[in-house]
N, C-alpha and C. Protein backbone atom coordinates (compact mmCIF):
# COMPACT_ATOMS: atom_id res chain seq x y z
N THR A 1 -3.26 -2.76 17.09
CA THR A 1 -3.74 -2.08 17.30
C THR A 1 -3.07 -0.91 16.03
N GLY A 2 -3.61 -0.35 15.03
CA GLY A 2 -2.59 0.02 14.55
C GLY A 2 -2.64 1.40 15.51
N MET A 3 -1.60 2.47 14.71
CA MET A 3 -1.32 3.43 15.59
C MET A 3 -1.51 4.79 14.37
N THR A 4 -2.23 6.50 15.07
CA THR A 4 -2.74 7.18 13.64
C THR A 4 -1.34 8.49 12.69
N PHE A 5 -0.38 8.72 12.80
CA PHE A 5 0.75 8.95 12.70
C PHE A 5 -0.02 10.48 11.50
N ILE A 6 0.36 11.56 12.80
CA ILE A 6 -0.33 13.53 12.25
C ILE A 6 1.16 13.43 11.85
N TRP A 7 0.73 14.95 10.39
CA TRP A 7 1.78 15.13 10.03
C TRP A 7 1.48 16.41 9.54
N SER A 8 2.52 16.92 9.05
CA SER A 8 2.02 18.46 8.85
C SER A 8 3.20 18.09 7.08
N PRO A 9 4.12 19.04 6.56
CA PRO A 9 4.95 19.53 5.68
C PRO A 9 5.82 19.61 6.03
N ARG A 10 5.56 20.48 7.04
CA ARG A 10 6.70 20.62 7.89
C ARG A 10 6.97 19.47 8.52
N SER A 11 6.63 18.18 9.08
CA SER A 11 6.90 17.20 9.60
C SER A 11 7.95 16.57 8.68
N THR A 12 9.74 16.26 9.53
CA THR A 12 11.00 15.62 9.19
C THR A 12 10.52 13.60 9.42
N VAL A 13 11.43 13.54 8.18
CA VAL A 13 10.61 12.07 7.91
C VAL A 13 12.50 11.51 7.58
N SER A 14 12.12 10.24 7.66
CA SER A 14 13.81 9.96 7.54
C SER A 14 13.36 8.09 6.50
N ALA A 15 14.35 7.41 6.44
CA ALA A 15 13.94 5.47 6.18
C ALA A 15 14.14 5.41 7.76
N SER A 16 14.37 4.11 7.58
CA SER A 16 14.11 2.98 8.80
C SER A 16 14.90 3.05 8.72
N PRO A 17 17.16 3.47 9.20
CA PRO A 17 17.80 2.17 9.56
C PRO A 17 17.41 0.53 9.83
N ASN A 18 17.04 -0.59 9.47
CA ASN A 18 15.70 -1.63 9.30
C ASN A 18 15.36 -1.78 8.23
N VAL A 19 16.07 -1.20 7.09
CA VAL A 19 14.97 -0.85 6.13
C VAL A 19 16.51 -1.15 5.02
N VAL A 20 16.88 -2.03 4.86
CA VAL A 20 17.65 -2.13 2.61
C VAL A 20 17.28 -1.83 1.37
N SER A 21 17.99 -1.36 1.07
CA SER A 21 17.39 -1.13 -1.06
C SER A 21 18.68 -1.84 -1.83
N CYS A 22 18.13 -1.70 -3.06
CA CYS A 22 18.78 -1.55 -3.74
C CYS A 22 18.33 -0.71 -4.67
N GLU A 23 18.78 -0.36 -5.82
CA GLU A 23 17.96 -0.51 -6.92
C GLU A 23 17.60 -2.17 -8.82
N LEU A 24 16.91 -1.76 -9.57
CA LEU A 24 16.69 -3.06 -9.23
C LEU A 24 15.60 -2.90 -11.36
N ASP A 25 16.46 -3.12 -12.42
CA ASP A 25 15.34 -2.43 -13.90
C ASP A 25 15.29 -0.24 -13.03
N GLY A 26 15.95 0.27 -12.79
CA GLY A 26 15.02 2.21 -12.85
C GLY A 26 13.79 1.04 -11.44
N ASP A 27 13.51 0.42 -10.65
CA ASP A 27 12.98 0.12 -9.36
C ASP A 27 14.00 0.19 -8.51
N SER A 28 13.67 0.32 -7.82
CA SER A 28 14.11 0.48 -6.16
C SER A 28 13.05 -0.71 -4.91
N VAL A 29 14.42 -1.28 -4.73
CA VAL A 29 13.28 -2.82 -4.30
C VAL A 29 14.06 -2.91 -2.96
N LEU A 30 12.78 -2.41 -1.80
CA LEU A 30 13.14 -2.60 0.36
C LEU A 30 12.94 -3.66 0.53
N LEU A 31 13.92 -4.09 1.51
CA LEU A 31 13.68 -5.57 2.46
C LEU A 31 13.45 -4.93 3.45
N ASN A 32 12.73 -5.22 4.32
CA ASN A 32 12.98 -4.83 5.42
C ASN A 32 13.00 -5.85 6.87
N LEU A 33 13.98 -5.68 7.29
CA LEU A 33 15.41 -6.67 7.96
C LEU A 33 14.84 -6.94 9.49
N ASP A 34 13.52 -6.50 9.47
CA ASP A 34 13.00 -6.68 11.16
C ASP A 34 11.86 -7.51 10.68
N THR A 35 11.78 -7.50 9.59
CA THR A 35 9.91 -8.18 9.14
C THR A 35 10.40 -9.53 8.00
N SER A 36 11.48 -8.98 7.42
CA SER A 36 11.63 -9.96 5.82
C SER A 36 10.57 -10.10 5.22
N ARG A 37 9.93 -8.16 5.41
CA ARG A 37 8.95 -8.13 4.30
C ARG A 37 9.94 -7.24 2.86
N TYR A 38 9.37 -7.75 1.55
CA TYR A 38 10.82 -6.82 1.16
C TYR A 38 9.51 -6.05 0.29
N PHE A 39 9.46 -5.09 -0.59
CA PHE A 39 8.87 -4.15 -1.30
C PHE A 39 9.25 -3.98 -2.57
N ARG A 40 8.97 -3.91 -3.72
CA ARG A 40 9.41 -3.12 -5.41
C ARG A 40 8.30 -1.56 -5.11
N LEU A 41 8.71 -0.97 -5.59
CA LEU A 41 9.20 1.06 -5.88
C LEU A 41 8.93 1.11 -6.82
N ASN A 42 8.20 1.75 -7.82
CA ASN A 42 8.27 2.20 -8.93
C ASN A 42 9.45 3.99 -8.10
N SER A 43 8.85 4.79 -9.75
CA SER A 43 10.23 5.26 -9.95
C SER A 43 9.92 6.76 -9.30
N VAL A 44 8.45 6.81 -8.92
CA VAL A 44 8.60 8.38 -7.53
C VAL A 44 8.14 7.57 -6.27
N GLY A 45 8.35 6.63 -6.00
CA GLY A 45 8.36 6.48 -4.77
C GLY A 45 10.32 5.78 -4.93
N SER A 46 11.43 5.65 -5.93
CA SER A 46 12.06 5.23 -5.55
C SER A 46 12.83 6.71 -5.37
N LEU A 47 12.23 7.46 -6.24
CA LEU A 47 12.59 9.03 -6.10
C LEU A 47 12.32 8.71 -4.01
N LEU A 48 11.26 9.14 -4.03
CA LEU A 48 11.25 8.99 -2.90
C LEU A 48 11.94 8.71 -2.01
N TRP A 49 12.00 6.93 -1.64
CA TRP A 49 12.96 6.52 -1.00
C TRP A 49 15.03 7.54 -1.17
N SER A 50 15.38 7.88 -1.50
CA SER A 50 16.02 8.39 -2.48
C SER A 50 16.39 9.13 -1.54
N LYS A 51 15.00 10.40 -1.44
CA LYS A 51 15.50 11.90 -0.75
C LYS A 51 15.65 11.23 0.93
N LEU A 52 14.64 9.81 1.55
CA LEU A 52 14.35 9.51 2.81
C LEU A 52 16.02 9.28 3.61
N GLU A 53 17.10 9.43 2.54
CA GLU A 53 17.91 8.95 3.30
C GLU A 53 18.94 9.65 3.92
N ALA A 54 18.07 11.31 4.40
CA ALA A 54 18.97 12.00 5.25
C ALA A 54 17.61 12.49 5.79
N PRO A 55 17.66 12.48 6.58
CA PRO A 55 15.96 13.80 7.29
C PRO A 55 15.62 14.53 6.24
N CYS A 56 14.21 14.62 6.56
CA CYS A 56 13.83 15.51 5.21
C CYS A 56 12.21 15.89 6.24
N THR A 57 12.01 16.51 5.29
CA THR A 57 10.49 17.19 5.76
C THR A 57 9.67 16.94 4.12
N VAL A 58 8.34 16.65 4.83
CA VAL A 58 7.53 16.48 4.39
C VAL A 58 7.13 17.17 2.40
N SER A 59 7.46 18.70 3.74
CA SER A 59 7.59 19.67 2.19
C SER A 59 8.07 19.15 1.18
N GLU A 60 9.20 19.55 1.19
CA GLU A 60 10.50 18.60 -0.01
C GLU A 60 9.52 17.67 -0.30
N LEU A 61 9.82 16.89 -0.01
CA LEU A 61 9.08 14.98 -0.21
C LEU A 61 8.20 15.64 -2.08
N GLN A 62 7.78 15.96 -1.13
CA GLN A 62 6.63 16.89 -1.85
C GLN A 62 7.25 18.07 -3.69
N ASP A 63 7.69 18.71 -2.95
CA ASP A 63 8.19 19.30 -3.71
C ASP A 63 8.79 18.10 -4.90
N ALA A 64 10.40 17.72 -4.69
CA ALA A 64 11.35 16.61 -5.45
C ALA A 64 10.47 15.97 -6.59
N VAL A 65 9.00 15.46 -5.63
CA VAL A 65 7.69 15.28 -6.96
C VAL A 65 7.72 16.03 -8.05
N VAL A 66 6.71 17.03 -7.55
CA VAL A 66 6.12 18.44 -7.89
C VAL A 66 7.12 18.28 -9.10
N GLU A 67 8.82 18.92 -8.84
CA GLU A 67 9.89 19.06 -9.63
C GLU A 67 10.55 17.87 -10.91
N GLY A 68 9.76 16.70 -9.68
CA GLY A 68 10.52 15.85 -10.93
C GLY A 68 9.24 14.73 -11.75
N PHE A 69 7.97 15.14 -12.71
CA PHE A 69 7.44 14.33 -12.03
C PHE A 69 5.82 15.30 -11.51
N ASP A 70 5.02 15.14 -13.38
CA ASP A 70 3.50 15.87 -13.76
C ASP A 70 2.83 15.37 -13.08
N VAL A 71 2.68 15.83 -12.29
CA VAL A 71 2.11 16.08 -10.57
C VAL A 71 1.29 17.44 -9.98
N GLU A 72 -0.13 17.69 -10.05
CA GLU A 72 -0.69 19.02 -9.15
C GLU A 72 0.03 17.99 -8.10
N PRO A 73 0.40 19.86 -7.27
CA PRO A 73 0.67 20.01 -6.44
C PRO A 73 -0.12 19.02 -4.89
N ASP A 74 -1.32 19.49 -5.67
CA ASP A 74 -2.62 19.16 -3.80
C ASP A 74 -1.91 17.00 -4.12
N ARG A 75 -2.14 17.03 -5.61
CA ARG A 75 -2.44 15.75 -5.43
C ARG A 75 -1.63 14.91 -4.77
N CYS A 76 -0.24 15.41 -5.15
CA CYS A 76 1.06 15.40 -4.90
C CYS A 76 0.62 14.92 -3.16
N ALA A 77 0.33 15.72 -2.99
CA ALA A 77 0.71 15.91 -1.17
C ALA A 77 -0.30 15.26 -0.60
N ARG A 78 -1.50 14.95 -1.59
CA ARG A 78 -2.85 13.63 -0.94
C ARG A 78 -2.05 11.82 -1.11
N ASP A 79 -1.71 12.22 -2.54
CA ASP A 79 -0.45 10.95 -2.63
C ASP A 79 0.45 10.40 -1.36
N ILE A 80 1.53 10.96 -0.99
CA ILE A 80 2.25 11.29 -0.11
C ILE A 80 1.83 11.02 0.80
N GLU A 81 0.58 11.73 1.08
CA GLU A 81 0.30 11.25 2.82
C GLU A 81 -0.32 9.50 3.20
């Protein structure tokens, strides 16, 4: 049974304390300590992860991606969601 999360640009999000990360060849690698699963993030994901070190809004995440990459704001919002 999955949960559906409804968020808005004003929703506050942050990284889980149960996930550790490190940089590897310009990307980020995450390890979920609860599940022992790991993930590799590209440059966009790495930027988002770095922003999540402190609580921030979804809107702040979108602004960071639009500023750092060539992406339209509407497309960015859909991709982040």
